[in-house]
Amino acid sequence: MSSLKPIKLLPTRERVASALRKAILTRELKEGENITLDGIATQLGVSNTPVREAFQILASEGLIKLTPNKGAVVTGLTEKMIRDHYITRAILEREAIGMVCQSRADITDIVEAFEEGQLALKENRAYEYSNFNQAFHMAIWVAADNDRILSILSSMWNGLSMGHKVTEDAYAQISNSEHSKLVEAIKAYDEEKAKQLMYAHIIRSMENILTHFVQDHEVLSEID
């Protein structure tokens, strides 16, 4: 049994926003689809309050349009929106990890989140990896000690960026391998290497998500 501390996760509203953002980015929720407070709350096992707050977050991003009946409609998604989202994340996460190295911050929580994720994969618990992935990135944002970056990145989180026809287990292994290299750079407080690895990590996630977008458009072209 692991003796590591419980992992720290984002507030409920951010986790709800993350789940919905991921569903929209992967086209699980498509343009024109209606979603409701009650429906999402039931699906995710939370109260209506964090769902309402998550709706506000996504509406500000232009991913949904709020409707008078306590619901929302998924708006159109473009390749540019996806690229803008991930490139912004890549820049901010690159700078956050650079700050961690530059200040030689306490990296205990970062390492523990990584080790918990690695243990989950060794014990064939890939289904739990998403939480450890979130905790790993969040620990880096917290260690960077910049409240504004923490706030922005928390509001942009979208979970595992699985590509088209990639299994959850396979994706978790890829992510964990990249996290391993990031941890090595962080332990050495190698700022430039850590920044380079983090930027590549997020851009690779973007390319994975774009496979959903491209695949859906190819199908629509065949139908037309």
C-alpha atoms as a PDB file:
ATOM      1  CA  MET A   1       0.000   0.000   0.000  1.00  0.00           C
ATOM      2  CA  SER A   2       1.301   3.475  -0.912  1.00  0.00           C
ATOM      3  CA  SER A   3       2.296   5.766   1.962  1.00  0.00           C
ATOM      4  CA  LEU A   4       2.048   8.876  -0.189  1.00  0.00           C
ATOM      5  CA  LYS A   5      -0.297  11.728   0.713  1.00  0.00           C
ATOM      6  CA  PRO A   6      -3.722  12.122  -0.948  1.00  0.00           C
ATOM      7  CA  ILE A   7      -3.409  13.983  -4.232  1.00  0.00           C
ATOM      8  CA  LYS A   8      -4.652  17.546  -4.575  1.00  0.00           C
ATOM      9  CA  LEU A   9      -7.259  18.116  -7.281  1.00  0.00           C
ATOM     10  CA  LEU A  10      -8.881  21.161  -8.813  1.00  0.00           C
ATOM     11  CA  PRO A  11     -12.099  22.606  -7.303  1.00  0.00           C
ATOM     12  CA  THR A  12     -15.301  20.852  -8.409  1.00  0.00           C
ATOM     13  CA  ARG A  13     -16.353  23.637 -10.803  1.00  0.00           C
ATOM     14  CA  GLU A  14     -13.010  23.387 -12.601  1.00  0.00           C
ATOM     15  CA  ARG A  15     -13.249  19.606 -12.824  1.00  0.00           C
ATOM     16  CA  VAL A  16     -16.764  19.863 -14.275  1.00  0.00           C
ATOM     17  CA  ALA A  17     -15.552  22.494 -16.762  1.00  0.00           C
ATOM     18  CA  SER A  18     -12.630  20.212 -17.607  1.00  0.00           C
ATOM     19  CA  ALA A  19     -14.897  17.227 -18.302  1.00  0.00           C
ATOM     20  CA  LEU A  20     -17.164  19.306 -20.534  1.00  0.00           C
ATOM     21  CA  ARG A  21     -14.246  21.045 -22.268  1.00  0.00           C
ATOM     22  CA  LYS A  22     -12.672  17.684 -23.056  1.00  0.00           C
ATOM     23  CA  ALA A  23     -15.993  16.352 -24.407  1.00  0.00           C
ATOM     24  CA  ILE A  24     -16.290  19.376 -26.683  1.00  0.00           C
ATOM     25  CA  LEU A  25     -12.657  19.261 -27.823  1.00  0.00           C
ATOM     26  CA  THR A  26     -12.927  15.550 -28.656  1.00  0.00           C
ATOM     27  CA  ARG A  27     -16.282  16.085 -30.384  1.00  0.00           C
ATOM     28  CA  GLU A  28     -18.120  13.848 -27.956  1.00  0.00           C
ATOM     29  CA  LEU A  29     -20.372  16.860 -27.549  1.00  0.00           C
ATOM     30  CA  LYS A  30     -21.000  18.348 -30.978  1.00  0.00           C
ATOM     31  CA  GLU A  31     -22.140  21.706 -32.291  1.00  0.00           C
ATOM     32  CA  GLY A  32     -25.820  22.348 -31.657  1.00  0.00           C
ATOM     33  CA  GLU A  33     -26.138  19.759 -28.905  1.00  0.00           C
ATOM     34  CA  ASN A  34     -28.149  20.809 -25.846  1.00  0.00           C
ATOM     35  CA  ILE A  35     -26.878  20.234 -22.319  1.00  0.00           C
ATOM     36  CA  THR A  36     -28.676  20.968 -19.042  1.00  0.00           C
ATOM     37  CA  LEU A  37     -27.642  21.660 -15.458  1.00  0.00           C
ATOM     38  CA  ASP A  38     -29.587  18.674 -14.136  1.00  0.00           C
ATOM     39  CA  GLY A  39     -28.350  16.344 -16.858  1.00  0.00           C
ATOM     40  CA  ILE A  40     -24.663  17.166 -16.417  1.00  0.00           C
ATOM     41  CA  ALA A  41     -24.953  17.181 -12.622  1.00  0.00           C
ATOM     42  CA  THR A  42     -26.464  13.684 -12.707  1.00  0.00           C
ATOM     43  CA  GLN A  43     -23.870  12.348 -15.155  1.00  0.00           C
ATOM     44  CA  LEU A  44     -20.938  13.687 -13.122  1.00  0.00           C
ATOM     45  CA  GLY A  45     -22.418  13.024  -9.681  1.00  0.00           C
ATOM     46  CA  VAL A  46     -22.252  16.612  -8.454  1.00  0.00           C
ATOM     47  CA  SER A  47     -24.729  19.308  -7.442  1.00  0.00           C
ATOM     48  CA  ASN A  48     -26.084  21.917  -9.839  1.00  0.00           C
ATOM     49  CA  THR A  49     -23.961  24.727  -8.380  1.00  0.00           C
ATOM     50  CA  PRO A  50     -20.535  23.689  -9.763  1.00  0.00           C
ATOM     51  CA  VAL A  51     -22.189  22.814 -13.094  1.00  0.00           C
ATOM     52  CA  ARG A  52     -23.700  26.306 -13.278  1.00  0.00           C
ATOM     53  CA  GLU A  53     -20.273  27.799 -12.539  1.00  0.00           C
ATOM     54  CA  ALA A  54     -18.664  25.539 -15.143  1.00  0.00           C
ATOM     55  CA  PHE A  55     -21.226  26.658 -17.726  1.00  0.00           C
ATOM     56  CA  GLN A  56     -20.205  30.263 -17.053  1.00  0.00           C
ATOM     57  CA  ILE A  57     -16.529  29.376 -17.585  1.00  0.00           C
ATOM     58  CA  LEU A  58     -17.198  27.602 -20.877  1.00  0.00           C
ATOM     59  CA  ALA A  59     -19.530  30.352 -22.077  1.00  0.00           C
ATOM     60  CA  SER A  60     -16.754  32.903 -21.532  1.00  0.00           C
ATOM     61  CA  GLU A  61     -14.528  30.733 -23.750  1.00  0.00           C
ATOM     62  CA  GLY A  62     -17.132  30.614 -26.492  1.00  0.00           C
ATOM     63  CA  LEU A  63     -17.517  26.834 -26.255  1.00  0.00           C
ATOM     64  CA  ILE A  64     -21.192  26.974 -25.223  1.00  0.00           C
ATOM     65  CA  LYS A  65     -24.046  29.484 -25.346  1.00  0.00           C
ATOM     66  CA  LEU A  66     -26.242  29.757 -22.270  1.00  0.00           C
ATOM     67  CA  THR A  67     -30.001  29.359 -22.702  1.00  0.00           C
ATOM     68  CA  PRO A  68     -32.870  30.614 -20.475  1.00  0.00           C
ATOM     69  CA  ASN A  69     -33.934  27.091 -19.424  1.00  0.00           C
ATOM     70  CA  LYS A  70     -30.941  26.401 -17.129  1.00  0.00           C
ATOM     71  CA  GLY A  71     -29.059  24.833 -20.007  1.00  0.00           C
ATOM     72  CA  ALA A  72     -26.709  25.585 -22.849  1.00  0.00           C
ATOM     73  CA  VAL A  73     -26.031  24.804 -26.491  1.00  0.00           C
ATOM     74  CA  VAL A  74     -22.625  23.655 -27.702  1.00  0.00           C
ATOM     75  CA  THR A  75     -21.301  26.202 -30.204  1.00  0.00           C
ATOM     76  CA  GLY A  76     -19.097  25.602 -33.213  1.00  0.00           C
ATOM     77  CA  LEU A  77     -15.490  24.528 -32.705  1.00  0.00           C
ATOM     78  CA  THR A  78     -12.733  25.395 -35.164  1.00  0.00           C
ATOM     79  CA  GLU A  79      -9.186  24.157 -35.568  1.00  0.00           C
ATOM     80  CA  LYS A  80      -7.995  27.662 -34.675  1.00  0.00           C
ATOM     81  CA  MET A  81      -9.885  27.545 -31.355  1.00  0.00           C
ATOM     82  CA  ILE A  82      -8.192  24.245 -30.508  1.00  0.00           C
ATOM     83  CA  ARG A  83      -4.757  25.540 -31.458  1.00  0.00           C
ATOM     84  CA  ASP A  84      -5.284  28.813 -29.565  1.00  0.00           C
ATOM     85  CA  HIS A  85      -6.309  26.885 -26.454  1.00  0.00           C
ATOM     86  CA  TYR A  86      -3.327  24.523 -26.443  1.00  0.00           C
ATOM     87  CA  ILE A  87      -0.699  27.042 -27.512  1.00  0.00           C
ATOM     88  CA  THR A  88      -1.786  29.333 -24.672  1.00  0.00           C
ATOM     89  CA  ARG A  89      -1.568  26.400 -22.268  1.00  0.00           C
ATOM     90  CA  ALA A  90       1.840  25.412 -23.644  1.00  0.00           C
ATOM     91  CA  ILE A  91       3.262  28.902 -23.144  1.00  0.00           C
ATOM     92  CA  LEU A  92       1.908  29.251 -19.603  1.00  0.00           C
ATOM     93  CA  GLU A  93       2.866  25.730 -18.489  1.00  0.00           C
ATOM     94  CA  ARG A  94       6.340  26.194 -19.977  1.00  0.00           C
ATOM     95  CA  GLU A  95       6.809  29.371 -17.969  1.00  0.00           C
ATOM     96  CA  ALA A  96       5.362  27.806 -14.815  1.00  0.00           C
ATOM     97  CA  ILE A  97       7.815  24.927 -14.841  1.00  0.00           C
ATOM     98  CA  GLY A  98      10.598  27.389 -15.603  1.00  0.00           C
ATOM     99  CA  MET A  99       9.684  29.343 -12.477  1.00  0.00           C
ATOM    100  CA  VAL A 100       9.799  26.150 -10.413  1.00  0.00           C
ATOM    101  CA  CYS A 101      13.344  25.456 -11.583  1.00  0.00           C
ATOM    102  CA  GLN A 102      14.515  29.045 -11.384  1.00  0.00           C
ATOM    103  CA  SER A 103      13.357  29.454  -7.786  1.00  0.00           C
ATOM    104  CA  ARG A 104      14.439  25.916  -6.838  1.00  0.00           C
ATOM    105  CA  ALA A 105      10.992  25.451  -5.313  1.00  0.00           C
ATOM    106  CA  ASP A 106       9.866  22.543  -3.148  1.00  0.00           C
ATOM    107  CA  ILE A 107       8.931  19.825  -5.653  1.00  0.00           C
ATOM    108  CA  THR A 108       7.655  17.219  -3.176  1.00  0.00           C
ATOM    109  CA  ASP A 109       4.039  17.360  -4.372  1.00  0.00           C
ATOM    110  CA  ILE A 110       5.110  17.206  -8.028  1.00  0.00           C
ATOM    111  CA  VAL A 111       7.181  14.080  -7.487  1.00  0.00           C
ATOM    112  CA  GLU A 112       4.517  12.411  -5.350  1.00  0.00           C
ATOM    113  CA  ALA A 113       1.788  13.008  -7.959  1.00  0.00           C
ATOM    114  CA  PHE A 114       4.071  11.513 -10.610  1.00  0.00           C
ATOM    115  CA  GLU A 115       4.898   8.487  -8.459  1.00  0.00           C
ATOM    116  CA  GLU A 116       1.222   7.863  -7.678  1.00  0.00           C
ATOM    117  CA  GLY A 117       0.417   7.939 -11.394  1.00  0.00           C
ATOM    118  CA  GLN A 118       3.286   5.591 -12.160  1.00  0.00           C
ATOM    119  CA  LEU A 119       2.114   3.190  -9.448  1.00  0.00           C
ATOM    120  CA  ALA A 120      -1.431   3.238 -10.839  1.00  0.00           C
ATOM    121  CA  LEU A 121      -0.124   2.135 -14.245  1.00  0.00           C
ATOM    122  CA  LYS A 122       2.042  -0.599 -12.736  1.00  0.00           C
ATOM    123  CA  GLU A 123      -1.013  -1.923 -10.915  1.00  0.00           C
ATOM    124  CA  ASN A 124      -3.146  -1.773 -14.097  1.00  0.00           C
ATOM    125  CA  ARG A 125      -5.245   1.137 -12.809  1.00  0.00           C
ATOM    126  CA  ALA A 126      -5.002   3.268 -15.935  1.00  0.00           C
ATOM    127  CA  TYR A 127      -8.580   4.413 -15.307  1.00  0.00           C
ATOM    128  CA  GLU A 128      -7.269   6.375 -12.295  1.00  0.00           C
ATOM    129  CA  TYR A 129      -4.415   8.006 -14.188  1.00  0.00           C
ATOM    130  CA  SER A 130      -6.406  11.081 -15.231  1.00  0.00           C
ATOM    131  CA  ASN A 131      -6.567  12.290 -11.610  1.00  0.00           C
ATOM    132  CA  PHE A 132      -2.835  11.826 -11.111  1.00  0.00           C
ATOM    133  CA  ASN A 133      -2.147  13.606 -14.394  1.00  0.00           C
ATOM    134  CA  GLN A 134      -4.230  16.545 -13.187  1.00  0.00           C
ATOM    135  CA  ALA A 135      -2.505  16.528  -9.787  1.00  0.00           C
ATOM    136  CA  PHE A 136       0.944  16.478 -11.438  1.00  0.00           C
ATOM    137  CA  HIS A 137       0.291  19.546 -13.559  1.00  0.00           C
ATOM    138  CA  MET A 138      -1.478  21.374 -10.747  1.00  0.00           C
ATOM    139  CA  ALA A 139       1.449  20.737  -8.387  1.00  0.00           C
ATOM    140  CA  ILE A 140       3.742  22.429 -10.912  1.00  0.00           C
ATOM    141  CA  TRP A 141       1.429  25.461 -11.183  1.00  0.00           C
ATOM    142  CA  VAL A 142       1.273  25.753  -7.386  1.00  0.00           C
ATOM    143  CA  ALA A 143       5.048  25.379  -6.995  1.00  0.00           C
ATOM    144  CA  ALA A 144       5.560  28.171  -9.561  1.00  0.00           C
ATOM    145  CA  ASP A 145       3.989  30.473  -6.949  1.00  0.00           C
ATOM    146  CA  ASN A 146       2.222  32.743  -9.430  1.00  0.00           C
ATOM    147  CA  ASP A 147      -1.443  33.092  -8.511  1.00  0.00           C
ATOM    148  CA  ARG A 148      -2.502  34.469 -11.888  1.00  0.00           C
ATOM    149  CA  ILE A 149      -0.908  31.632 -13.853  1.00  0.00           C
ATOM    150  CA  LEU A 150      -2.450  29.133 -11.429  1.00  0.00           C
ATOM    151  CA  SER A 151      -5.889  30.678 -11.933  1.00  0.00           C
ATOM    152  CA  ILE A 152      -5.669  30.784 -15.733  1.00  0.00           C
ATOM    153  CA  LEU A 153      -4.314  27.258 -16.127  1.00  0.00           C
ATOM    154  CA  SER A 154      -6.878  25.875 -13.677  1.00  0.00           C
ATOM    155  CA  SER A 155      -9.643  27.404 -15.783  1.00  0.00           C
ATOM    156  CA  MET A 156      -8.177  25.912 -18.986  1.00  0.00           C
ATOM    157  CA  TRP A 157      -7.649  22.338 -17.832  1.00  0.00           C
ATOM    158  CA  ASN A 158      -9.153  19.700 -20.137  1.00  0.00           C
ATOM    159  CA  GLY A 159      -7.809  16.391 -18.878  1.00  0.00           C
ATOM    160  CA  LEU A 160      -6.122  13.703 -20.938  1.00  0.00           C
ATOM    161  CA  SER A 161      -5.899  14.738 -24.599  1.00  0.00           C
ATOM    162  CA  MET A 162      -6.423  11.324 -26.128  1.00  0.00           C
ATOM    163  CA  GLY A 163      -6.163  11.047 -29.884  1.00  0.00           C
ATOM    164  CA  HIS A 164      -8.440   9.211 -32.273  1.00  0.00           C
ATOM    165  CA  LYS A 165      -8.368   5.411 -31.791  1.00  0.00           C
ATOM    166  CA  VAL A 166      -5.957   5.612 -28.825  1.00  0.00           C
ATOM    167  CA  THR A 167      -6.848   3.519 -25.779  1.00  0.00           C
ATOM    168  CA  GLU A 168      -6.875   5.032 -22.302  1.00  0.00           C
ATOM    169  CA  ASP A 169      -4.078   2.697 -21.189  1.00  0.00           C
ATOM    170  CA  ALA A 170      -1.855   3.468 -24.182  1.00  0.00           C
ATOM    171  CA  TYR A 171      -2.358   7.196 -23.749  1.00  0.00           C
ATOM    172  CA  ALA A 172      -1.598   7.022 -20.030  1.00  0.00           C
ATOM    173  CA  GLN A 173       1.673   5.238 -20.789  1.00  0.00           C
ATOM    174  CA  ILE A 174       2.696   7.972 -23.251  1.00  0.00           C
ATOM    175  CA  SER A 175       1.803  10.707 -20.776  1.00  0.00           C
ATOM    176  CA  ASN A 176       3.624   8.993 -17.907  1.00  0.00           C
ATOM    177  CA  SER A 177       6.756   8.561 -20.014  1.00  0.00           C
ATOM    178  CA  GLU A 178       6.805  12.276 -20.744  1.00  0.00           C
ATOM    179  CA  HIS A 179       6.144  13.097 -17.087  1.00  0.00           C
ATOM    180  CA  SER A 180       9.144  10.944 -16.151  1.00  0.00           C
ATOM    181  CA  LYS A 181      11.437  13.122 -18.278  1.00  0.00           C
ATOM    182  CA  LEU A 182       9.883  16.258 -16.833  1.00  0.00           C
ATOM    183  CA  VAL A 183      10.519  15.020 -13.288  1.00  0.00           C
ATOM    184  CA  GLU A 184      14.172  14.329 -14.110  1.00  0.00           C
ATOM    185  CA  ALA A 185      14.567  17.885 -15.394  1.00  0.00           C
ATOM    186  CA  ILE A 186      12.751  19.335 -12.370  1.00  0.00           C
ATOM    187  CA  LYS A 187      14.870  17.367  -9.908  1.00  0.00           C
ATOM    188  CA  ALA A 188      17.964  18.809 -11.588  1.00  0.00           C
ATOM    189  CA  TYR A 189      16.332  22.263 -11.662  1.00  0.00           C
ATOM    190  CA  ASP A 190      17.297  22.349 -15.345  1.00  0.00           C
ATOM    191  CA  GLU A 191      15.148  25.294 -16.411  1.00  0.00           C
ATOM    192  CA  GLU A 192      15.730  25.219 -20.167  1.00  0.00           C
ATOM    193  CA  LYS A 193      15.275  21.466 -20.510  1.00  0.00           C
ATOM    194  CA  ALA A 194      12.155  21.479 -18.343  1.00  0.00           C
ATOM    195  CA  LYS A 195      10.613  24.314 -20.367  1.00  0.00           C
ATOM    196  CA  GLN A 196      11.402  22.598 -23.661  1.00  0.00           C
ATOM    197  CA  LEU A 197       9.938  19.281 -22.486  1.00  0.00           C
ATOM    198  CA  MET A 198       6.774  20.881 -21.098  1.00  0.00           C
ATOM    199  CA  TYR A 199       6.090  22.871 -24.248  1.00  0.00           C
ATOM    200  CA  ALA A 200       6.517  19.724 -26.370  1.00  0.00           C
ATOM    201  CA  HIS A 201       4.273  17.773 -23.958  1.00  0.00           C
ATOM    202  CA  ILE A 202       1.357  20.191 -24.386  1.00  0.00           C
ATOM    203  CA  ILE A 203       1.798  20.594 -28.149  1.00  0.00           C
ATOM    204  CA  ARG A 204       1.778  16.808 -28.516  1.00  0.00           C
ATOM    205  CA  SER A 205      -1.513  16.819 -26.610  1.00  0.00           C
ATOM    206  CA  MET A 206      -2.848  19.396 -29.057  1.00  0.00           C
ATOM    207  CA  GLU A 207      -1.939  17.245 -32.046  1.00  0.00           C
ATOM    208  CA  ASN A 208      -3.715  14.291 -30.427  1.00  0.00           C
ATOM    209  CA  ILE A 209      -6.906  16.287 -29.913  1.00  0.00           C
ATOM    210  CA  LEU A 210      -6.762  17.555 -33.494  1.00  0.00           C
ATOM    211  CA  THR A 211      -7.045  13.963 -34.736  1.00  0.00           C
ATOM    212  CA  HIS A 212     -10.659  13.999 -33.507  1.00  0.00           C
ATOM    213  CA  PHE A 213     -11.346  17.250 -35.308  1.00  0.00           C
ATOM    214  CA  VAL A 214      -9.777  16.077 -38.575  1.00  0.00           C
ATOM    215  CA  GLN A 215     -11.435  12.649 -38.397  1.00  0.00           C
ATOM    216  CA  ASP A 216     -14.902  14.161 -37.904  1.00  0.00           C
ATOM    217  CA  HIS A 217     -14.439  16.543 -40.811  1.00  0.00           C
ATOM    218  CA  GLU A 218     -13.278  13.731 -43.080  1.00  0.00           C
ATOM    219  CA  VAL A 219     -16.428  11.757 -42.218  1.00  0.00           C
ATOM    220  CA  LEU A 220     -18.619  14.797 -42.917  1.00  0.00           C
ATOM    221  CA  SER A 221     -16.862  15.296 -46.267  1.00  0.00           C
ATOM    222  CA  GLU A 222     -17.579  11.688 -47.230  1.00  0.00           C
ATOM    223  CA  ILE A 223     -21.262  12.155 -46.306  1.00  0.00           C
ATOM    224  CA  ASP A 224     -21.489  15.364 -48.356  1.00  0.00           C
END
